[in-house]
Amino acid sequence: MAAIINDQAALAPLTGISSMATRQVLAELVASYQRQTGQAVTIESVGGVDAARRVQQGDVFDIVVLAANAIEALALTHHVDPDSRVKLASSGIAVAVAAGAPHPDIGTEAALREAVLGASSIGYSTGPSGTHLMELFERWDIADRIAPRLVKAPPGVPVGALVARGEVALGFQQLSELIHEPGIDVLGALPPEVQATTVFVAALCTAARQRDAARQLLSFLVSPEADRAKIDNGMTPVR
């Protein structure tokens, strides 16, 4: 259980920023943390590129949660404390169609490739899953053929929302971002041979105003107590 915070100065709201992939799990975890400790926490979830840019440009946050490579880049530019980094969870890429639409076979690499070739439009994100998909389409030698049908979701807009609105027929994104999106059917994860797992890392910002309180929050976020929320939100706890 999280420790009760008695220092009134530490009860000023902690602030954080994250990518959309961890929005749901962080909302659940910080609500639990606040109930247990009395410590208010406000996490702003935006597109990962925007989150990193805002930390780099000097926006003040106590913690930041992003993909491991993005946190590494922030550590190299001294925007986060490298020694404070903790692995929050990992998430794979999943595929979705509009609720009630036909479910193409995605169980093997060959079947997934055929599903992509047969889709009238394909949605992907600006995050790690989108980068992986572009590389995969190049490896399959279909990138040029499907280019007119590719739809990149704007930063902060879930691919699942585009699928639900009928703007794309086949959507790819982190499972954690698709799992609670209304109006879609999640077909499942990418086949193991083409799956890419992203590890999300939390870290203390160098601009943090409440370093000790923020460190306590980080400890809670990676504690066994936090595992159930991660699993329920399509993520895998990592140590």
C-alpha atoms as a PDB file:
ATOM      1  CA  MET A   1       0.000   0.000   0.000  1.00  0.00           C
ATOM      2  CA  ALA A   2       1.205   3.519  -0.779  1.00  0.00           C
ATOM      3  CA  ALA A   3       2.519   5.451   2.198  1.00  0.00           C
ATOM      4  CA  ILE A   4       0.303   8.147   3.699  1.00  0.00           C
ATOM      5  CA  ILE A   5       1.812  11.569   3.058  1.00  0.00           C
ATOM      6  CA  ASN A   6       1.668  13.783   6.139  1.00  0.00           C
ATOM      7  CA  ASP A   7       3.799  16.697   4.974  1.00  0.00           C
ATOM      8  CA  GLN A   8       1.249  19.336   3.967  1.00  0.00           C
ATOM      9  CA  ALA A   9       3.744  20.984   1.611  1.00  0.00           C
ATOM     10  CA  ALA A  10       3.969  17.717  -0.293  1.00  0.00           C
ATOM     11  CA  LEU A  11       0.206  17.682  -0.810  1.00  0.00           C
ATOM     12  CA  ALA A  12       0.342  20.386  -3.474  1.00  0.00           C
ATOM     13  CA  PRO A  13      -0.729  18.652  -6.695  1.00  0.00           C
ATOM     14  CA  LEU A  14       1.915  16.630  -8.478  1.00  0.00           C
ATOM     15  CA  THR A  15       1.924  17.102 -12.231  1.00  0.00           C
ATOM     16  CA  GLY A  16       2.901  14.813 -15.054  1.00  0.00           C
ATOM     17  CA  ILE A  17       2.657  14.341 -18.782  1.00  0.00           C
ATOM     18  CA  SER A  18       2.382  11.141 -20.775  1.00  0.00           C
ATOM     19  CA  SER A  19       1.624   9.762 -24.196  1.00  0.00           C
ATOM     20  CA  MET A  20      -1.886   8.561 -24.968  1.00  0.00           C
ATOM     21  CA  ALA A  21      -0.824   4.908 -24.689  1.00  0.00           C
ATOM     22  CA  THR A  22      -0.695   5.115 -20.898  1.00  0.00           C
ATOM     23  CA  ARG A  23      -3.614   7.515 -20.404  1.00  0.00           C
ATOM     24  CA  GLN A  24      -6.131   4.994 -19.082  1.00  0.00           C
ATOM     25  CA  VAL A  25      -3.802   3.079 -16.798  1.00  0.00           C
ATOM     26  CA  LEU A  26      -2.322   6.248 -15.315  1.00  0.00           C
ATOM     27  CA  ALA A  27      -5.781   7.696 -14.680  1.00  0.00           C
ATOM     28  CA  GLU A  28      -6.715   4.568 -12.741  1.00  0.00           C
ATOM     29  CA  LEU A  29      -3.444   4.402 -10.825  1.00  0.00           C
ATOM     30  CA  VAL A  30      -3.271   8.044  -9.798  1.00  0.00           C
ATOM     31  CA  ALA A  31      -6.885   7.911  -8.628  1.00  0.00           C
ATOM     32  CA  SER A  32      -5.972   4.974  -6.402  1.00  0.00           C
ATOM     33  CA  TYR A  33      -2.849   6.736  -5.193  1.00  0.00           C
ATOM     34  CA  GLN A  34      -4.800   9.862  -4.304  1.00  0.00           C
ATOM     35  CA  ARG A  35      -7.380   7.862  -2.346  1.00  0.00           C
ATOM     36  CA  GLN A  36      -4.660   6.131  -0.349  1.00  0.00           C
ATOM     37  CA  THR A  37      -2.348   9.062   0.328  1.00  0.00           C
ATOM     38  CA  GLY A  38      -4.315  12.267  -0.091  1.00  0.00           C
ATOM     39  CA  GLN A  39      -1.731  13.393  -2.657  1.00  0.00           C
ATOM     40  CA  ALA A  40      -3.407  15.036  -5.653  1.00  0.00           C
ATOM     41  CA  VAL A  41      -1.910  14.089  -9.016  1.00  0.00           C
ATOM     42  CA  THR A  42      -2.723  15.561 -12.419  1.00  0.00           C
ATOM     43  CA  ILE A  43      -1.427  13.739 -15.492  1.00  0.00           C
ATOM     44  CA  GLU A  44      -1.911  15.305 -18.920  1.00  0.00           C
ATOM     45  CA  SER A  45      -1.970  12.768 -21.753  1.00  0.00           C
ATOM     46  CA  VAL A  46      -1.185  13.969 -25.265  1.00  0.00           C
ATOM     47  CA  GLY A  47       0.568  12.640 -28.345  1.00  0.00           C
ATOM     48  CA  GLY A  48       3.971  11.236 -27.421  1.00  0.00           C
ATOM     49  CA  VAL A  49       5.844  13.585 -29.762  1.00  0.00           C
ATOM     50  CA  ASP A  50       4.061  16.573 -28.242  1.00  0.00           C
ATOM     51  CA  ALA A  51       4.727  15.340 -24.698  1.00  0.00           C
ATOM     52  CA  ALA A  52       8.458  15.040 -25.321  1.00  0.00           C
ATOM     53  CA  ARG A  53       8.560  18.437 -27.032  1.00  0.00           C
ATOM     54  CA  ARG A  54       6.851  20.130 -24.110  1.00  0.00           C
ATOM     55  CA  VAL A  55       9.302  18.667 -21.619  1.00  0.00           C
ATOM     56  CA  GLN A  56      12.182  19.736 -23.860  1.00  0.00           C
ATOM     57  CA  GLN A  57      10.882  23.271 -24.219  1.00  0.00           C
ATOM     58  CA  GLY A  58      10.764  23.740 -20.457  1.00  0.00           C
ATOM     59  CA  ASP A  59       7.135  23.127 -19.495  1.00  0.00           C
ATOM     60  CA  VAL A  60       7.210  22.233 -15.802  1.00  0.00           C
ATOM     61  CA  PHE A  61       6.135  18.731 -14.788  1.00  0.00           C
ATOM     62  CA  ASP A  62       7.129  16.523 -11.886  1.00  0.00           C
ATOM     63  CA  ILE A  63       7.107  13.280 -13.881  1.00  0.00           C
ATOM     64  CA  VAL A  64       6.918  12.166 -17.493  1.00  0.00           C
ATOM     65  CA  VAL A  65       5.833   8.775 -18.873  1.00  0.00           C
ATOM     66  CA  LEU A  66       6.814   7.866 -22.434  1.00  0.00           C
ATOM     67  CA  ALA A  67       8.270   5.041 -24.499  1.00  0.00           C
ATOM     68  CA  ALA A  68      11.734   4.035 -23.314  1.00  0.00           C
ATOM     69  CA  ASN A  69      13.540   5.539 -26.314  1.00  0.00           C
ATOM     70  CA  ALA A  70      11.798   8.896 -25.823  1.00  0.00           C
ATOM     71  CA  ILE A  71      12.770   8.953 -22.139  1.00  0.00           C
ATOM     72  CA  GLU A  72      16.343   8.043 -23.115  1.00  0.00           C
ATOM     73  CA  ALA A  73      16.426  11.051 -25.456  1.00  0.00           C
ATOM     74  CA  LEU A  74      15.169  13.318 -22.658  1.00  0.00           C
ATOM     75  CA  ALA A  75      17.805  11.911 -20.324  1.00  0.00           C
ATOM     76  CA  LEU A  76      20.562  12.650 -22.840  1.00  0.00           C
ATOM     77  CA  THR A  77      19.439  16.284 -23.015  1.00  0.00           C
ATOM     78  CA  HIS A  78      19.183  16.498 -19.200  1.00  0.00           C
ATOM     79  CA  HIS A  79      15.422  17.007 -19.134  1.00  0.00           C
ATOM     80  CA  VAL A  80      14.858  13.989 -16.892  1.00  0.00           C
ATOM     81  CA  ASP A  81      16.915  12.510 -14.081  1.00  0.00           C
ATOM     82  CA  PRO A  82      18.391   9.343 -15.628  1.00  0.00           C
ATOM     83  CA  ASP A  83      18.751   7.665 -12.237  1.00  0.00           C
ATOM     84  CA  SER A  84      15.031   8.066 -11.544  1.00  0.00           C
ATOM     85  CA  ARG A  85      13.860   6.017 -14.534  1.00  0.00           C
ATOM     86  CA  VAL A  86      11.530   3.098 -13.780  1.00  0.00           C
ATOM     87  CA  LYS A  87       9.865   0.672 -16.178  1.00  0.00           C
ATOM     88  CA  LEU A  88       6.119   1.103 -15.949  1.00  0.00           C
ATOM     89  CA  ALA A  89       4.700  -1.511 -18.336  1.00  0.00           C
ATOM     90  CA  SER A  90       4.937  -2.908 -21.836  1.00  0.00           C
ATOM     91  CA  SER A  91       2.359  -3.058 -24.599  1.00  0.00           C
ATOM     92  CA  GLY A  92       2.096  -4.735 -27.974  1.00  0.00           C
ATOM     93  CA  ILE A  93       0.338  -3.621 -31.142  1.00  0.00           C
ATOM     94  CA  ALA A  94      -3.216  -4.734 -31.884  1.00  0.00           C
ATOM     95  CA  VAL A  95      -5.597  -4.507 -34.834  1.00  0.00           C
ATOM     96  CA  ALA A  96      -9.174  -3.250 -34.884  1.00  0.00           C
ATOM     97  CA  VAL A  97     -12.146  -2.855 -37.202  1.00  0.00           C
ATOM     98  CA  ALA A  98     -15.455  -1.062 -36.732  1.00  0.00           C
ATOM     99  CA  ALA A  99     -17.913  -2.855 -34.484  1.00  0.00           C
ATOM    100  CA  GLY A 100     -19.872  -5.375 -36.510  1.00  0.00           C
ATOM    101  CA  ALA A 101     -17.560  -5.213 -39.545  1.00  0.00           C
ATOM    102  CA  PRO A 102     -16.145  -8.444 -41.018  1.00  0.00           C
ATOM    103  CA  HIS A 103     -13.146  -9.798 -39.110  1.00  0.00           C
ATOM    104  CA  PRO A 104     -10.236 -10.545 -41.434  1.00  0.00           C
ATOM    105  CA  ASP A 105      -7.778 -13.248 -40.450  1.00  0.00           C
ATOM    106  CA  ILE A 106      -4.673 -11.769 -38.783  1.00  0.00           C
ATOM    107  CA  GLY A 107      -3.414 -14.958 -37.153  1.00  0.00           C
ATOM    108  CA  THR A 108      -0.243 -15.296 -39.209  1.00  0.00           C
ATOM    109  CA  GLU A 109       2.140 -12.902 -40.906  1.00  0.00           C
ATOM    110  CA  ALA A 110       0.869 -13.956 -44.329  1.00  0.00           C
ATOM    111  CA  ALA A 111      -2.761 -13.516 -43.288  1.00  0.00           C
ATOM    112  CA  LEU A 112      -2.067 -10.093 -41.800  1.00  0.00           C
ATOM    113  CA  ARG A 113      -0.335  -8.980 -44.981  1.00  0.00           C
ATOM    114  CA  GLU A 114      -3.361 -10.063 -47.014  1.00  0.00           C
ATOM    115  CA  ALA A 115      -5.696  -8.240 -44.597  1.00  0.00           C
ATOM    116  CA  VAL A 116      -3.695  -5.042 -45.078  1.00  0.00           C
ATOM    117  CA  LEU A 117      -3.686  -5.421 -48.865  1.00  0.00           C
ATOM    118  CA  GLY A 118      -7.437  -6.024 -48.822  1.00  0.00           C
ATOM    119  CA  ALA A 119      -8.335  -3.074 -46.579  1.00  0.00           C
ATOM    120  CA  SER A 120      -9.832  -0.001 -48.194  1.00  0.00           C
ATOM    121  CA  SER A 121      -7.931   2.180 -45.709  1.00  0.00           C
ATOM    122  CA  ILE A 122      -5.371   1.575 -42.967  1.00  0.00           C
ATOM    123  CA  GLY A 123      -5.009   3.736 -39.858  1.00  0.00           C
ATOM    124  CA  TYR A 124      -1.853   4.094 -37.814  1.00  0.00           C
ATOM    125  CA  SER A 125      -0.447   6.409 -35.167  1.00  0.00           C
ATOM    126  CA  THR A 126       2.450   8.828 -34.844  1.00  0.00           C
ATOM    127  CA  GLY A 127       3.858   6.735 -31.980  1.00  0.00           C
ATOM    128  CA  PRO A 128       6.075   3.642 -31.821  1.00  0.00           C
ATOM    129  CA  SER A 129       3.397   1.388 -33.306  1.00  0.00           C
ATOM    130  CA  GLY A 130       3.178   3.575 -36.397  1.00  0.00           C
ATOM    131  CA  THR A 131       6.943   3.550 -36.871  1.00  0.00           C
ATOM    132  CA  HIS A 132       6.972  -0.231 -36.640  1.00  0.00           C
ATOM    133  CA  LEU A 133       4.150  -0.575 -39.173  1.00  0.00           C
ATOM    134  CA  MET A 134       5.883   1.612 -41.727  1.00  0.00           C
ATOM    135  CA  GLU A 135       8.986  -0.559 -41.420  1.00  0.00           C
ATOM    136  CA  LEU A 136       6.868  -3.695 -41.699  1.00  0.00           C
ATOM    137  CA  PHE A 137       5.124  -2.472 -44.865  1.00  0.00           C
ATOM    138  CA  GLU A 138       8.512  -1.705 -46.388  1.00  0.00           C
ATOM    139  CA  ARG A 139       9.770  -5.189 -45.502  1.00  0.00           C
ATOM    140  CA  TRP A 140       6.666  -6.710 -47.085  1.00  0.00           C
ATOM    141  CA  ASP A 141       7.359  -4.607 -50.191  1.00  0.00           C
ATOM    142  CA  ILE A 142       3.832  -3.167 -50.185  1.00  0.00           C
ATOM    143  CA  ALA A 143       4.502   0.365 -48.917  1.00  0.00           C
ATOM    144  CA  ASP A 144       4.079   2.012 -52.328  1.00  0.00           C
ATOM    145  CA  ARG A 145       0.981  -0.015 -53.186  1.00  0.00           C
ATOM    146  CA  ILE A 146      -0.916   0.929 -50.029  1.00  0.00           C
ATOM    147  CA  ALA A 147       0.420   4.486 -49.601  1.00  0.00           C
ATOM    148  CA  PRO A 148      -2.779   6.134 -50.974  1.00  0.00           C
ATOM    149  CA  ARG A 149      -4.825   4.190 -48.406  1.00  0.00           C
ATOM    150  CA  LEU A 150      -2.741   5.042 -45.339  1.00  0.00           C
ATOM    151  CA  VAL A 151      -4.257   7.402 -42.776  1.00  0.00           C
ATOM    152  CA  LYS A 152      -2.099   8.773 -39.979  1.00  0.00           C
ATOM    153  CA  ALA A 153      -4.075   9.732 -36.871  1.00  0.00           C
ATOM    154  CA  PRO A 154      -3.311  13.277 -35.686  1.00  0.00           C
ATOM    155  CA  PRO A 155      -1.254  13.422 -32.456  1.00  0.00           C
ATOM    156  CA  GLY A 156      -3.474  12.693 -29.478  1.00  0.00           C
ATOM    157  CA  VAL A 157      -6.294  11.212 -31.579  1.00  0.00           C
ATOM    158  CA  PRO A 158      -6.797   7.465 -31.044  1.00  0.00           C
ATOM    159  CA  VAL A 159      -6.678   5.340 -34.182  1.00  0.00           C
ATOM    160  CA  GLY A 160      -9.693   3.529 -32.723  1.00  0.00           C
ATOM    161  CA  ALA A 161     -11.730   6.721 -32.966  1.00  0.00           C
ATOM    162  CA  LEU A 162     -11.026   6.888 -36.712  1.00  0.00           C
ATOM    163  CA  VAL A 163     -12.068   3.249 -37.035  1.00  0.00           C
ATOM    164  CA  ALA A 164     -15.277   3.824 -35.062  1.00  0.00           C
ATOM    165  CA  ARG A 165     -16.185   6.805 -37.267  1.00  0.00           C
ATOM    166  CA  GLY A 166     -15.615   4.789 -40.437  1.00  0.00           C
ATOM    167  CA  GLU A 167     -12.665   6.917 -41.520  1.00  0.00           C
ATOM    168  CA  VAL A 168     -10.389   3.863 -41.681  1.00  0.00           C
ATOM    169  CA  ALA A 169     -11.280   0.222 -42.211  1.00  0.00           C
ATOM    170  CA  LEU A 170      -8.340  -1.390 -40.442  1.00  0.00           C
ATOM    171  CA  GLY A 171      -6.633   0.283 -37.501  1.00  0.00           C
ATOM    172  CA  PHE A 172      -3.329  -0.443 -35.780  1.00  0.00           C
ATOM    173  CA  GLN A 173      -2.247   0.903 -32.403  1.00  0.00           C
ATOM    174  CA  GLN A 174      -1.079  -0.135 -28.961  1.00  0.00           C
ATOM    175  CA  LEU A 175      -3.565  -2.555 -27.401  1.00  0.00           C
ATOM    176  CA  SER A 176      -3.769  -0.244 -24.379  1.00  0.00           C
ATOM    177  CA  GLU A 177      -5.121   2.506 -26.641  1.00  0.00           C
ATOM    178  CA  LEU A 178      -7.653   0.318 -28.458  1.00  0.00           C
ATOM    179  CA  ILE A 179      -8.982  -1.785 -25.614  1.00  0.00           C
ATOM    180  CA  HIS A 180     -11.482   0.732 -24.208  1.00  0.00           C
ATOM    181  CA  GLU A 181     -12.360   2.592 -27.423  1.00  0.00           C
ATOM    182  CA  PRO A 182     -16.121   2.397 -28.125  1.00  0.00           C
ATOM    183  CA  GLY A 183     -17.473   1.412 -31.507  1.00  0.00           C
ATOM    184  CA  ILE A 184     -14.704  -0.983 -32.522  1.00  0.00           C
ATOM    185  CA  ASP A 185     -13.888  -4.684 -32.420  1.00  0.00           C
ATOM    186  CA  VAL A 186     -10.320  -5.514 -31.434  1.00  0.00           C
ATOM    187  CA  LEU A 187      -9.252  -8.450 -33.597  1.00  0.00           C
ATOM    188  CA  GLY A 188      -6.216  -9.236 -31.464  1.00  0.00           C
ATOM    189  CA  ALA A 189      -2.497  -8.667 -31.314  1.00  0.00           C
ATOM    190  CA  LEU A 190      -0.123  -8.821 -34.248  1.00  0.00           C
ATOM    191  CA  PRO A 191       1.257 -12.306 -34.869  1.00  0.00           C
ATOM    192  CA  PRO A 192       4.378 -12.972 -32.749  1.00  0.00           C
ATOM    193  CA  GLU A 193       6.688 -12.983 -35.769  1.00  0.00           C
ATOM    194  CA  VAL A 194       5.845  -9.344 -36.567  1.00  0.00           C
ATOM    195  CA  GLN A 195       4.898  -8.027 -33.132  1.00  0.00           C
ATOM    196  CA  ALA A 196       6.759  -5.093 -31.575  1.00  0.00           C
ATOM    197  CA  THR A 197       6.547  -4.482 -27.852  1.00  0.00           C
ATOM    198  CA  THR A 198       7.013  -0.980 -26.461  1.00  0.00           C
ATOM    199  CA  VAL A 199       8.270  -0.518 -22.917  1.00  0.00           C
ATOM    200  CA  PHE A 200       6.932   2.604 -21.234  1.00  0.00           C
ATOM    201  CA  VAL A 201       9.152   4.325 -18.687  1.00  0.00           C
ATOM    202  CA  ALA A 202       8.390   6.900 -16.016  1.00  0.00           C
ATOM    203  CA  ALA A 203      10.982   9.412 -14.857  1.00  0.00           C
ATOM    204  CA  LEU A 204      11.453  12.453 -12.675  1.00  0.00           C
ATOM    205  CA  CYS A 205      11.695  15.681 -14.669  1.00  0.00           C
ATOM    206  CA  THR A 206      14.688  17.861 -13.890  1.00  0.00           C
ATOM    207  CA  ALA A 207      12.239  20.768 -13.629  1.00  0.00           C
ATOM    208  CA  ALA A 208      10.218  18.934 -10.955  1.00  0.00           C
ATOM    209  CA  ARG A 209       9.098  21.136  -8.081  1.00  0.00           C
ATOM    210  CA  GLN A 210       8.261  18.271  -5.702  1.00  0.00           C
ATOM    211  CA  ARG A 211      11.031  15.751  -6.158  1.00  0.00           C
ATOM    212  CA  ASP A 212      10.512  13.673  -3.024  1.00  0.00           C
ATOM    213  CA  ALA A 213       6.748  13.414  -3.480  1.00  0.00           C
ATOM    214  CA  ALA A 214       7.249  12.564  -7.156  1.00  0.00           C
ATOM    215  CA  ARG A 215       9.668   9.777  -6.259  1.00  0.00           C
ATOM    216  CA  GLN A 216       7.046   8.288  -3.934  1.00  0.00           C
ATOM    217  CA  LEU A 217       4.545   8.329  -6.796  1.00  0.00           C
ATOM    218  CA  LEU A 218       7.029   6.606  -9.119  1.00  0.00           C
ATOM    219  CA  SER A 219       7.554   3.888  -6.520  1.00  0.00           C
ATOM    220  CA  PHE A 220       3.827   3.268  -6.362  1.00  0.00           C
ATOM    221  CA  LEU A 221       3.448   3.164 -10.144  1.00  0.00           C
ATOM    222  CA  VAL A 222       5.902   0.250 -10.400  1.00  0.00           C
ATOM    223  CA  SER A 223       4.835  -1.593  -7.256  1.00  0.00           C
ATOM    224  CA  PRO A 224       3.074  -4.992  -7.394  1.00  0.00           C
ATOM    225  CA  GLU A 225      -0.039  -3.170  -6.182  1.00  0.00           C
ATOM    226  CA  ALA A 226      -0.212  -1.441  -9.573  1.00  0.00           C
ATOM    227  CA  ASP A 227      -0.047  -4.659 -11.627  1.00  0.00           C
ATOM    228  CA  ARG A 228      -3.788  -5.363 -11.838  1.00  0.00           C
ATOM    229  CA  ALA A 229      -4.580  -1.951 -13.318  1.00  0.00           C
ATOM    230  CA  LYS A 230      -1.917  -2.477 -15.974  1.00  0.00           C
ATOM    231  CA  ILE A 231      -3.265  -5.884 -16.962  1.00  0.00           C
ATOM    232  CA  ASP A 232      -6.845  -4.600 -17.048  1.00  0.00           C
ATOM    233  CA  ASN A 233      -5.738  -1.843 -19.415  1.00  0.00           C
ATOM    234  CA  GLY A 234      -4.028  -4.091 -21.943  1.00  0.00           C
ATOM    235  CA  MET A 235      -0.494  -3.730 -20.639  1.00  0.00           C
ATOM    236  CA  THR A 236       2.051  -6.091 -19.075  1.00  0.00           C
ATOM    237  CA  PRO A 237       3.847  -5.169 -15.836  1.00  0.00           C
ATOM    238  CA  VAL A 238       7.631  -5.119 -16.141  1.00  0.00           C
ATOM    239  CA  ARG A 239      10.307  -4.976 -13.476  1.00  0.00           C
END
